[in-house]
Amino acid sequence: MNKTKRYYLFALAELTVLVLLDQLSKYAAVLYLKNQSGIILIPGIFELYYLENRGAAWGLLENARFFFLITAVILTGLIFFYYRKLPLEHHWNLSRFLMIMLASGAVGNAIDRFLHGYVIDFLYFSAINFPVFNVADCYVTLSIALFLFFYRKEVYEWIRN
């Protein structure tokens, strides 16, 4: 098997595993948290709390299901378009992984919107009243934060010019 096919198969495997973890966590949330008062893990700080989110964070764009589905499809398509453009050298592996992580978050939440019409959220930082979120949201946030951290010099130069 050539190097290009190996990278694509590995990407597909990563995407599959990450989306599966997201969907399994949401299944567990439905099974153990739905119609319950929540589970306090760290009093006053963090809890598991079931929420059916029909919008984005803080309920923004509520009931814009098709907008979010179309955005996820476009975003995932763009990610794979640029993924294919990356050179095959090892020092691009972090970029590849972050792109797959971002795509996994988009796909995970898109699956929820497609199947249910809402996203299943269950992670809640009560200490700061942060919006309830899920594993796919973590993928998106972490991939962007890590990209900005590891490529801050390049991002700064891009913004400056």
N, C-alpha and C. Protein backbone atom coordinates (compact mmCIF):
# COMPACT_ATOMS: atom_id res chain seq x y z
N MET A 1 0.85 -1.17 0.00
CA MET A 1 0.00 0.00 0.00
C MET A 1 0.90 1.24 0.00
N ASN A 2 0.57 2.20 -0.86
CA ASN A 2 1.42 3.39 -0.93
C ASN A 2 1.15 4.34 0.24
N LYS A 3 2.06 5.29 0.41
CA LYS A 3 2.02 6.21 1.55
C LYS A 3 0.74 7.05 1.57
N THR A 4 0.29 7.50 0.42
CA THR A 4 -0.91 8.33 0.34
C THR A 4 -2.14 7.56 0.82
N LYS A 5 -2.31 6.35 0.34
CA LYS A 5 -3.46 5.54 0.76
C LYS A 5 -3.40 5.26 2.26
N ARG A 6 -2.20 5.02 2.76
CA ARG A 6 -2.03 4.75 4.19
C ARG A 6 -2.48 5.96 5.02
N TYR A 7 -2.11 7.17 4.60
CA TYR A 7 -2.54 8.38 5.31
C TYR A 7 -4.06 8.53 5.27
N TYR A 8 -4.67 8.25 4.15
CA TYR A 8 -6.13 8.37 4.03
C TYR A 8 -6.84 7.33 4.87
N LEU A 9 -6.35 6.10 4.86
CA LEU A 9 -6.97 5.06 5.68
C LEU A 9 -6.81 5.35 7.17
N PHE A 10 -5.65 5.87 7.54
CA PHE A 10 -5.43 6.24 8.93
C PHE A 10 -6.37 7.37 9.33
N ALA A 11 -6.55 8.33 8.45
CA ALA A 11 -7.47 9.45 8.72
C ALA A 11 -8.89 8.94 8.90
N LEU A 12 -9.30 8.04 8.03
CA LEU A 12 -10.64 7.46 8.14
C LEU A 12 -10.80 6.70 9.45
N ALA A 13 -9.76 5.96 9.85
CA ALA A 13 -9.80 5.23 11.12
C ALA A 13 -9.90 6.19 12.30
N GLU A 14 -9.09 7.26 12.28
CA GLU A 14 -9.14 8.26 13.35
C GLU A 14 -10.52 8.89 13.43
N LEU A 15 -11.05 9.30 12.30
CA LEU A 15 -12.37 9.92 12.25
C LEU A 15 -13.42 8.96 12.81
N THR A 16 -13.36 7.72 12.39
CA THR A 16 -14.33 6.72 12.84
C THR A 16 -14.27 6.52 14.35
N VAL A 17 -13.06 6.38 14.89
CA VAL A 17 -12.90 6.17 16.33
C VAL A 17 -13.40 7.38 17.11
N LEU A 18 -13.02 8.58 16.69
CA LEU A 18 -13.44 9.78 17.42
C LEU A 18 -14.95 9.98 17.36
N VAL A 19 -15.55 9.78 16.20
CA VAL A 19 -17.01 9.92 16.09
C VAL A 19 -17.70 8.84 16.91
N LEU A 20 -17.18 7.64 16.89
CA LEU A 20 -17.76 6.56 17.67
C LEU A 20 -17.71 6.88 19.17
N LEU A 21 -16.58 7.40 19.66
CA LEU A 21 -16.48 7.80 21.06
C LEU A 21 -17.50 8.87 21.40
N ASP A 22 -17.66 9.84 20.52
CA ASP A 22 -18.65 10.89 20.73
C ASP A 22 -20.06 10.30 20.79
N GLN A 23 -20.40 9.46 19.84
CA GLN A 23 -21.74 8.90 19.78
C GLN A 23 -22.01 7.96 20.97
N LEU A 24 -21.01 7.20 21.40
CA LEU A 24 -21.18 6.34 22.56
C LEU A 24 -21.39 7.16 23.83
N SER A 25 -20.68 8.27 23.95
CA SER A 25 -20.86 9.13 25.13
C SER A 25 -22.27 9.74 25.14
N LYS A 26 -22.77 10.09 23.97
CA LYS A 26 -24.13 10.64 23.89
C LYS A 26 -25.18 9.57 24.16
N TYR A 27 -24.91 8.36 23.71
CA TYR A 27 -25.81 7.24 24.00
C TYR A 27 -25.88 7.01 25.51
N ALA A 28 -24.72 7.03 26.17
CA ALA A 28 -24.68 6.88 27.62
C ALA A 28 -25.42 8.02 28.32
N ALA A 29 -25.28 9.23 27.79
CA ALA A 29 -25.99 10.37 28.37
C ALA A 29 -27.51 10.16 28.29
N VAL A 30 -27.98 9.69 27.16
CA VAL A 30 -29.42 9.41 27.01
C VAL A 30 -29.83 8.32 27.99
N LEU A 31 -29.04 7.29 28.07
CA LEU A 31 -29.36 6.13 28.90
C LEU A 31 -29.39 6.46 30.39
N TYR A 32 -28.40 7.24 30.84
CA TYR A 32 -28.24 7.46 32.28
C TYR A 32 -28.63 8.85 32.78
N LEU A 33 -28.76 9.82 31.89
CA LEU A 33 -29.01 11.19 32.34
C LEU A 33 -30.37 11.76 31.94
N LYS A 34 -30.92 11.26 30.84
CA LYS A 34 -32.19 11.81 30.35
C LYS A 34 -33.27 11.60 31.41
N ASN A 35 -34.04 12.66 31.63
CA ASN A 35 -35.12 12.68 32.63
C ASN A 35 -34.61 12.50 34.06
N GLN A 36 -33.35 12.81 34.28
CA GLN A 36 -32.74 12.77 35.61
C GLN A 36 -32.33 14.19 35.99
N SER A 37 -32.04 14.41 37.26
CA SER A 37 -31.67 15.75 37.70
C SER A 37 -30.21 16.09 37.43
N GLY A 38 -29.41 15.14 37.04
CA GLY A 38 -28.00 15.38 36.77
C GLY A 38 -27.14 14.67 37.80
N ILE A 39 -25.87 14.55 37.49
CA ILE A 39 -24.93 13.90 38.40
C ILE A 39 -23.81 14.89 38.70
N ILE A 40 -23.69 15.28 39.95
CA ILE A 40 -22.64 16.22 40.35
C ILE A 40 -21.35 15.44 40.55
N LEU A 41 -20.34 15.79 39.77
CA LEU A 41 -19.04 15.12 39.88
C LEU A 41 -18.10 15.89 40.81
N ILE A 42 -18.07 17.21 40.66
CA ILE A 42 -17.30 18.09 41.54
C ILE A 42 -18.26 19.18 41.99
N PRO A 43 -18.72 19.11 43.24
CA PRO A 43 -19.75 20.06 43.72
C PRO A 43 -19.39 21.52 43.43
N GLY A 44 -20.36 22.21 42.83
CA GLY A 44 -20.18 23.62 42.52
C GLY A 44 -19.29 23.90 41.33
N ILE A 45 -18.76 22.86 40.69
CA ILE A 45 -17.83 23.07 39.59
C ILE A 45 -18.26 22.34 38.32
N PHE A 46 -18.43 21.02 38.41
CA PHE A 46 -18.66 20.23 37.19
C PHE A 46 -19.70 19.15 37.44
N GLU A 47 -20.62 19.01 36.46
CA GLU A 47 -21.64 17.97 36.57
C GLU A 47 -22.03 17.44 35.20
N LEU A 48 -22.68 16.30 35.23
CA LEU A 48 -23.25 15.72 34.02
C LEU A 48 -24.73 16.06 34.04
N TYR A 49 -25.18 16.73 32.97
CA TYR A 49 -26.54 17.24 32.93
C TYR A 49 -27.05 17.10 31.50
N TYR A 50 -28.13 16.37 31.31
CA TYR A 50 -28.66 16.10 29.97
C TYR A 50 -29.39 17.32 29.41
N LEU A 51 -29.07 17.64 28.15
CA LEU A 51 -29.73 18.76 27.48
C LEU A 51 -29.85 18.46 25.99
N GLU A 52 -31.01 18.73 25.44
CA GLU A 52 -31.21 18.62 23.99
C GLU A 52 -31.07 20.02 23.41
N ASN A 53 -29.98 20.25 22.71
CA ASN A 53 -29.63 21.57 22.22
C ASN A 53 -30.04 21.71 20.75
N ARG A 54 -30.99 22.57 20.48
CA ARG A 54 -31.47 22.79 19.12
C ARG A 54 -30.79 23.99 18.45
N GLY A 55 -29.77 24.51 19.10
CA GLY A 55 -29.03 25.64 18.54
C GLY A 55 -27.54 25.41 18.72
N ALA A 56 -26.81 26.51 18.82
CA ALA A 56 -25.37 26.45 19.10
C ALA A 56 -25.19 26.81 20.58
N ALA A 57 -23.98 27.16 20.97
CA ALA A 57 -23.71 27.55 22.36
C ALA A 57 -24.64 28.68 22.78
N TRP A 58 -25.08 28.61 24.01
CA TRP A 58 -26.02 29.58 24.59
C TRP A 58 -27.34 29.64 23.82
N GLY A 59 -27.67 28.60 23.09
CA GLY A 59 -28.93 28.55 22.35
C GLY A 59 -28.98 29.44 21.12
N LEU A 60 -27.82 29.92 20.66
CA LEU A 60 -27.78 30.77 19.48
C LEU A 60 -28.30 30.01 18.26
N LEU A 61 -28.99 30.70 17.40
CA LEU A 61 -29.53 30.12 16.16
C LEU A 61 -30.38 28.88 16.44
N GLU A 62 -31.21 28.97 17.46
CA GLU A 62 -32.07 27.84 17.82
C GLU A 62 -32.95 27.43 16.64
N ASN A 63 -33.10 26.14 16.46
CA ASN A 63 -33.90 25.52 15.41
C ASN A 63 -33.37 25.79 13.99
N ALA A 64 -32.10 26.08 13.86
CA ALA A 64 -31.48 26.27 12.55
C ALA A 64 -30.81 24.96 12.13
N ARG A 65 -31.54 23.87 12.25
CA ARG A 65 -31.02 22.53 12.02
C ARG A 65 -30.35 22.39 10.66
N PHE A 66 -31.02 22.82 9.60
CA PHE A 66 -30.47 22.64 8.26
C PHE A 66 -29.26 23.53 8.02
N PHE A 67 -29.25 24.70 8.61
CA PHE A 67 -28.08 25.57 8.52
C PHE A 67 -26.86 24.85 9.11
N PHE A 68 -27.04 24.25 10.31
CA PHE A 68 -25.93 23.55 10.95
C PHE A 68 -25.52 22.30 10.18
N LEU A 69 -26.48 21.59 9.62
CA LEU A 69 -26.15 20.40 8.82
C LEU A 69 -25.36 20.78 7.58
N ILE A 70 -25.82 21.80 6.87
CA ILE A 70 -25.13 22.24 5.66
C ILE A 70 -23.73 22.76 6.00
N THR A 71 -23.63 23.52 7.09
CA THR A 71 -22.33 24.04 7.52
C THR A 71 -21.38 22.90 7.85
N ALA A 72 -21.88 21.85 8.52
CA ALA A 72 -21.03 20.70 8.86
C ALA A 72 -20.55 19.98 7.61
N VAL A 73 -21.42 19.82 6.63
CA VAL A 73 -21.03 19.16 5.38
C VAL A 73 -19.97 19.98 4.65
N ILE A 74 -20.19 21.28 4.56
CA ILE A 74 -19.22 22.16 3.88
C ILE A 74 -17.89 22.16 4.62
N LEU A 75 -17.94 22.31 5.94
CA LEU A 75 -16.72 22.33 6.74
C LEU A 75 -15.95 21.03 6.59
N THR A 76 -16.64 19.90 6.69
CA THR A 76 -15.98 18.61 6.55
C THR A 76 -15.37 18.45 5.16
N GLY A 77 -16.09 18.89 4.14
CA GLY A 77 -15.56 18.84 2.77
C GLY A 77 -14.31 19.68 2.63
N LEU A 78 -14.33 20.88 3.19
CA LEU A 78 -13.14 21.76 3.13
C LEU A 78 -11.96 21.15 3.88
N ILE A 79 -12.25 20.56 5.02
CA ILE A 79 -11.17 19.93 5.80
C ILE A 79 -10.51 18.83 4.97
N PHE A 80 -11.30 17.98 4.35
CA PHE A 80 -10.71 16.89 3.57
C PHE A 80 -10.04 17.39 2.29
N PHE A 81 -10.56 18.46 1.73
CA PHE A 81 -9.91 19.06 0.57
C PHE A 81 -8.50 19.52 0.95
N TYR A 82 -8.38 20.23 2.08
CA TYR A 82 -7.08 20.72 2.51
C TYR A 82 -6.22 19.60 3.09
N TYR A 83 -6.83 18.59 3.68
CA TYR A 83 -6.09 17.44 4.17
C TYR A 83 -5.32 16.78 3.02
N ARG A 84 -5.97 16.65 1.90
CA ARG A 84 -5.34 16.05 0.72
C ARG A 84 -4.19 16.90 0.19
N LYS A 85 -4.22 18.20 0.45
CA LYS A 85 -3.18 19.10 -0.05
C LYS A 85 -1.92 19.08 0.83
N LEU A 86 -2.03 18.57 2.06
CA LEU A 86 -0.87 18.56 2.95
C LEU A 86 0.21 17.64 2.43
N PRO A 87 1.47 18.08 2.53
CA PRO A 87 2.57 17.19 2.15
C PRO A 87 2.58 15.95 3.05
N LEU A 88 3.18 14.88 2.58
CA LEU A 88 3.17 13.62 3.31
C LEU A 88 4.29 13.50 4.36
N GLU A 89 5.10 14.53 4.54
CA GLU A 89 6.18 14.47 5.52
C GLU A 89 5.60 14.37 6.93
N HIS A 90 6.36 13.75 7.82
CA HIS A 90 5.90 13.50 9.19
C HIS A 90 5.61 14.78 9.97
N HIS A 91 6.32 15.87 9.69
CA HIS A 91 6.09 17.07 10.49
C HIS A 91 4.71 17.69 10.23
N TRP A 92 3.96 17.16 9.29
CA TRP A 92 2.59 17.62 9.05
C TRP A 92 1.57 16.75 9.78
N ASN A 93 2.03 15.75 10.53
CA ASN A 93 1.10 14.84 11.21
C ASN A 93 0.20 15.55 12.22
N LEU A 94 0.75 16.53 12.95
CA LEU A 94 -0.08 17.27 13.91
C LEU A 94 -1.21 17.99 13.18
N SER A 95 -0.89 18.64 12.07
CA SER A 95 -1.93 19.33 11.29
C SER A 95 -2.98 18.35 10.82
N ARG A 96 -2.52 17.20 10.36
CA ARG A 96 -3.47 16.17 9.91
C ARG A 96 -4.39 15.75 11.05
N PHE A 97 -3.82 15.47 12.22
CA PHE A 97 -4.62 15.03 13.36
C PHE A 97 -5.61 16.11 13.79
N LEU A 98 -5.18 17.35 13.84
CA LEU A 98 -6.08 18.44 14.25
C LEU A 98 -7.22 18.61 13.24
N MET A 99 -6.94 18.42 11.98
CA MET A 99 -7.99 18.51 10.96
C MET A 99 -9.01 17.38 11.14
N ILE A 100 -8.53 16.18 11.42
CA ILE A 100 -9.43 15.04 11.63
C ILE A 100 -10.24 15.25 12.91
N MET A 101 -9.61 15.80 13.95
CA MET A 101 -10.33 16.06 15.19
C MET A 101 -11.45 17.08 14.95
N LEU A 102 -11.15 18.13 14.21
CA LEU A 102 -12.16 19.14 13.90
C LEU A 102 -13.29 18.53 13.08
N ALA A 103 -12.95 17.74 12.08
CA ALA A 103 -13.97 17.08 11.26
C ALA A 103 -14.82 16.12 12.10
N SER A 104 -14.19 15.44 13.04
CA SER A 104 -14.92 14.51 13.91
C SER A 104 -15.96 15.23 14.75
N GLY A 105 -15.61 16.39 15.24
CA GLY A 105 -16.58 17.18 16.01
C GLY A 105 -17.75 17.62 15.15
N ALA A 106 -17.45 18.07 13.95
CA ALA A 106 -18.52 18.49 13.03
C ALA A 106 -19.42 17.31 12.66
N VAL A 107 -18.81 16.18 12.37
CA VAL A 107 -19.59 14.99 11.98
C VAL A 107 -20.40 14.47 13.16
N GLY A 108 -19.80 14.43 14.35
CA GLY A 108 -20.51 13.93 15.53
C GLY A 108 -21.78 14.71 15.82
N ASN A 109 -21.68 16.03 15.79
CA ASN A 109 -22.87 16.85 16.04
C ASN A 109 -23.84 16.81 14.87
N ALA A 110 -23.32 16.68 13.65
CA ALA A 110 -24.20 16.58 12.47
C ALA A 110 -25.03 15.30 12.53
N ILE A 111 -24.44 14.22 13.01
CA ILE A 111 -25.19 12.98 13.16
C ILE A 111 -26.38 13.19 14.09
N ASP A 112 -26.14 13.86 15.21
CA ASP A 112 -27.23 14.16 16.15
C ASP A 112 -28.32 14.99 15.50
N ARG A 113 -27.92 16.05 14.82
CA ARG A 113 -28.91 16.93 14.19
C ARG A 113 -29.70 16.19 13.13
N PHE A 114 -29.04 15.32 12.38
CA PHE A 114 -29.71 14.56 11.33
C PHE A 114 -30.69 13.55 11.94
N LEU A 115 -30.24 12.79 12.94
CA LEU A 115 -31.07 11.73 13.53
C LEU A 115 -32.16 12.25 14.46
N HIS A 116 -31.82 13.27 15.26
CA HIS A 116 -32.74 13.71 16.31
C HIS A 116 -33.33 15.10 16.10
N GLY A 117 -32.66 15.92 15.32
CA GLY A 117 -33.08 17.32 15.17
C GLY A 117 -32.47 18.22 16.23
N TYR A 118 -31.63 17.67 17.07
CA TYR A 118 -30.94 18.42 18.12
C TYR A 118 -29.64 17.70 18.45
N VAL A 119 -28.78 18.40 19.20
CA VAL A 119 -27.51 17.82 19.65
C VAL A 119 -27.66 17.44 21.12
N ILE A 120 -27.17 16.29 21.47
CA ILE A 120 -27.20 15.83 22.85
C ILE A 120 -25.98 16.38 23.57
N ASP A 121 -26.22 17.21 24.57
CA ASP A 121 -25.17 17.80 25.40
C ASP A 121 -25.31 17.26 26.81
N PHE A 122 -24.18 17.16 27.53
CA PHE A 122 -24.26 16.60 28.88
C PHE A 122 -23.13 16.99 29.81
N LEU A 123 -22.16 17.76 29.36
CA LEU A 123 -21.05 18.19 30.20
C LEU A 123 -21.30 19.64 30.61
N TYR A 124 -21.26 19.92 31.92
CA TYR A 124 -21.64 21.26 32.39
C TYR A 124 -20.69 21.75 33.48
N PHE A 125 -20.02 22.88 33.21
CA PHE A 125 -19.21 23.57 34.22
C PHE A 125 -20.11 24.57 34.93
N SER A 126 -20.65 24.16 36.05
CA SER A 126 -21.59 25.00 36.78
C SER A 126 -20.89 26.18 37.45
N ALA A 127 -19.61 26.05 37.75
CA ALA A 127 -18.88 27.12 38.44
C ALA A 127 -18.89 28.42 37.64
N ILE A 128 -18.87 28.31 36.32
CA ILE A 128 -18.86 29.51 35.49
C ILE A 128 -20.11 29.60 34.61
N ASN A 129 -21.07 28.72 34.89
CA ASN A 129 -22.32 28.68 34.12
C ASN A 129 -22.04 28.62 32.62
N PHE A 130 -21.06 27.79 32.26
CA PHE A 130 -20.70 27.60 30.85
C PHE A 130 -21.79 26.78 30.17
N PRO A 131 -22.07 27.03 28.88
CA PRO A 131 -23.10 26.22 28.21
C PRO A 131 -22.80 24.72 28.29
N VAL A 132 -23.84 23.94 28.40
CA VAL A 132 -23.70 22.48 28.42
C VAL A 132 -23.15 22.07 27.05
N PHE A 133 -22.20 21.15 27.05
CA PHE A 133 -21.54 20.76 25.80
C PHE A 133 -21.34 19.26 25.76
N ASN A 134 -20.67 18.76 24.73
CA ASN A 134 -20.47 17.32 24.56
C ASN A 134 -19.06 17.03 24.05
N VAL A 135 -18.78 15.78 23.80
CA VAL A 135 -17.44 15.36 23.36
C VAL A 135 -17.10 15.95 21.99
N ALA A 136 -18.05 15.99 21.07
CA ALA A 136 -17.79 16.57 19.75
C ALA A 136 -17.40 18.05 19.88
N ASP A 137 -18.06 18.76 20.78
CA ASP A 137 -17.70 20.16 21.03
C ASP A 137 -16.27 20.26 21.55
N CYS A 138 -15.88 19.30 22.38
CA CYS A 138 -14.49 19.27 22.89
C CYS A 138 -13.51 19.09 21.74
N TYR A 139 -13.85 18.21 20.80
CA TYR A 139 -12.98 18.01 19.64
C TYR A 139 -12.77 19.32 18.88
N VAL A 140 -13.86 20.03 18.63
CA VAL A 140 -13.78 21.28 17.88
C VAL A 140 -12.95 22.30 18.64
N THR A 141 -13.26 22.50 19.91
CA THR A 141 -12.56 23.50 20.72
C THR A 141 -11.08 23.16 20.87
N LEU A 142 -10.79 21.91 21.20
CA LEU A 142 -9.39 21.51 21.38
C LEU A 142 -8.59 21.60 20.09
N SER A 143 -9.18 21.18 18.99
CA SER A 143 -8.44 21.22 17.72
C SER A 143 -8.10 22.66 17.34
N ILE A 144 -9.03 23.57 17.52
CA ILE A 144 -8.76 24.97 17.18
C ILE A 144 -7.75 25.57 18.15
N ALA A 145 -7.92 25.30 19.46
CA ALA A 145 -6.99 25.85 20.45
C ALA A 145 -5.58 25.32 20.22
N LEU A 146 -5.44 24.03 19.97
CA LEU A 146 -4.11 23.45 19.72
C LEU A 146 -3.51 23.97 18.42
N PHE A 147 -4.34 24.13 17.41
CA PHE A 147 -3.84 24.70 16.16
C PHE A 147 -3.28 26.11 16.41
N LEU A 148 -4.04 26.94 17.11
CA LEU A 148 -3.59 28.30 17.39
C LEU A 148 -2.34 28.31 18.26
N PHE A 149 -2.25 27.39 19.21
CA PHE A 149 -1.08 27.32 20.08
C PHE A 149 0.16 26.88 19.30
N PHE A 150 0.08 25.79 18.57
CA PHE A 150 1.25 25.26 17.88
C PHE A 150 1.64 26.06 16.64
N TYR A 151 0.68 26.76 16.06
CA TYR A 151 0.96 27.52 14.86
C TYR A 151 0.77 29.02 15.08
N ARG A 152 0.94 29.46 16.33
CA ARG A 152 0.70 30.87 16.67
C ARG A 152 1.57 31.82 15.86
N LYS A 153 2.80 31.45 15.61
CA LYS A 153 3.69 32.32 14.84
C LYS A 153 3.16 32.49 13.41
N GLU A 154 2.77 31.38 12.80
CA GLU A 154 2.25 31.43 11.44
C GLU A 154 0.93 32.19 11.38
N VAL A 155 0.07 31.98 12.38
CA VAL A 155 -1.22 32.69 12.43
C VAL A 155 -0.98 34.18 12.61
N TYR A 156 -0.04 34.54 13.49
CA TYR A 156 0.29 35.95 13.71
C TYR A 156 0.79 36.60 12.42
N GLU A 157 1.68 35.92 11.72
CA GLU A 157 2.21 36.46 10.46
C GLU A 157 1.09 36.60 9.42
N TRP A 158 0.20 35.63 9.37
CA TRP A 158 -0.91 35.67 8.42
C TRP A 158 -1.82 36.85 8.71
N ILE A 159 -2.13 37.08 9.99
CA ILE A 159 -2.99 38.21 10.38
C ILE A 159 -2.28 39.53 10.11
N ARG A 160 -1.01 39.60 10.43
CA ARG A 160 -0.24 40.83 10.28
C ARG A 160 -0.15 41.26 8.82
N ASN A 161 -0.08 40.31 7.92
CA ASN A 161 0.06 40.65 6.50
C ASN A 161 -1.28 40.75 5.90
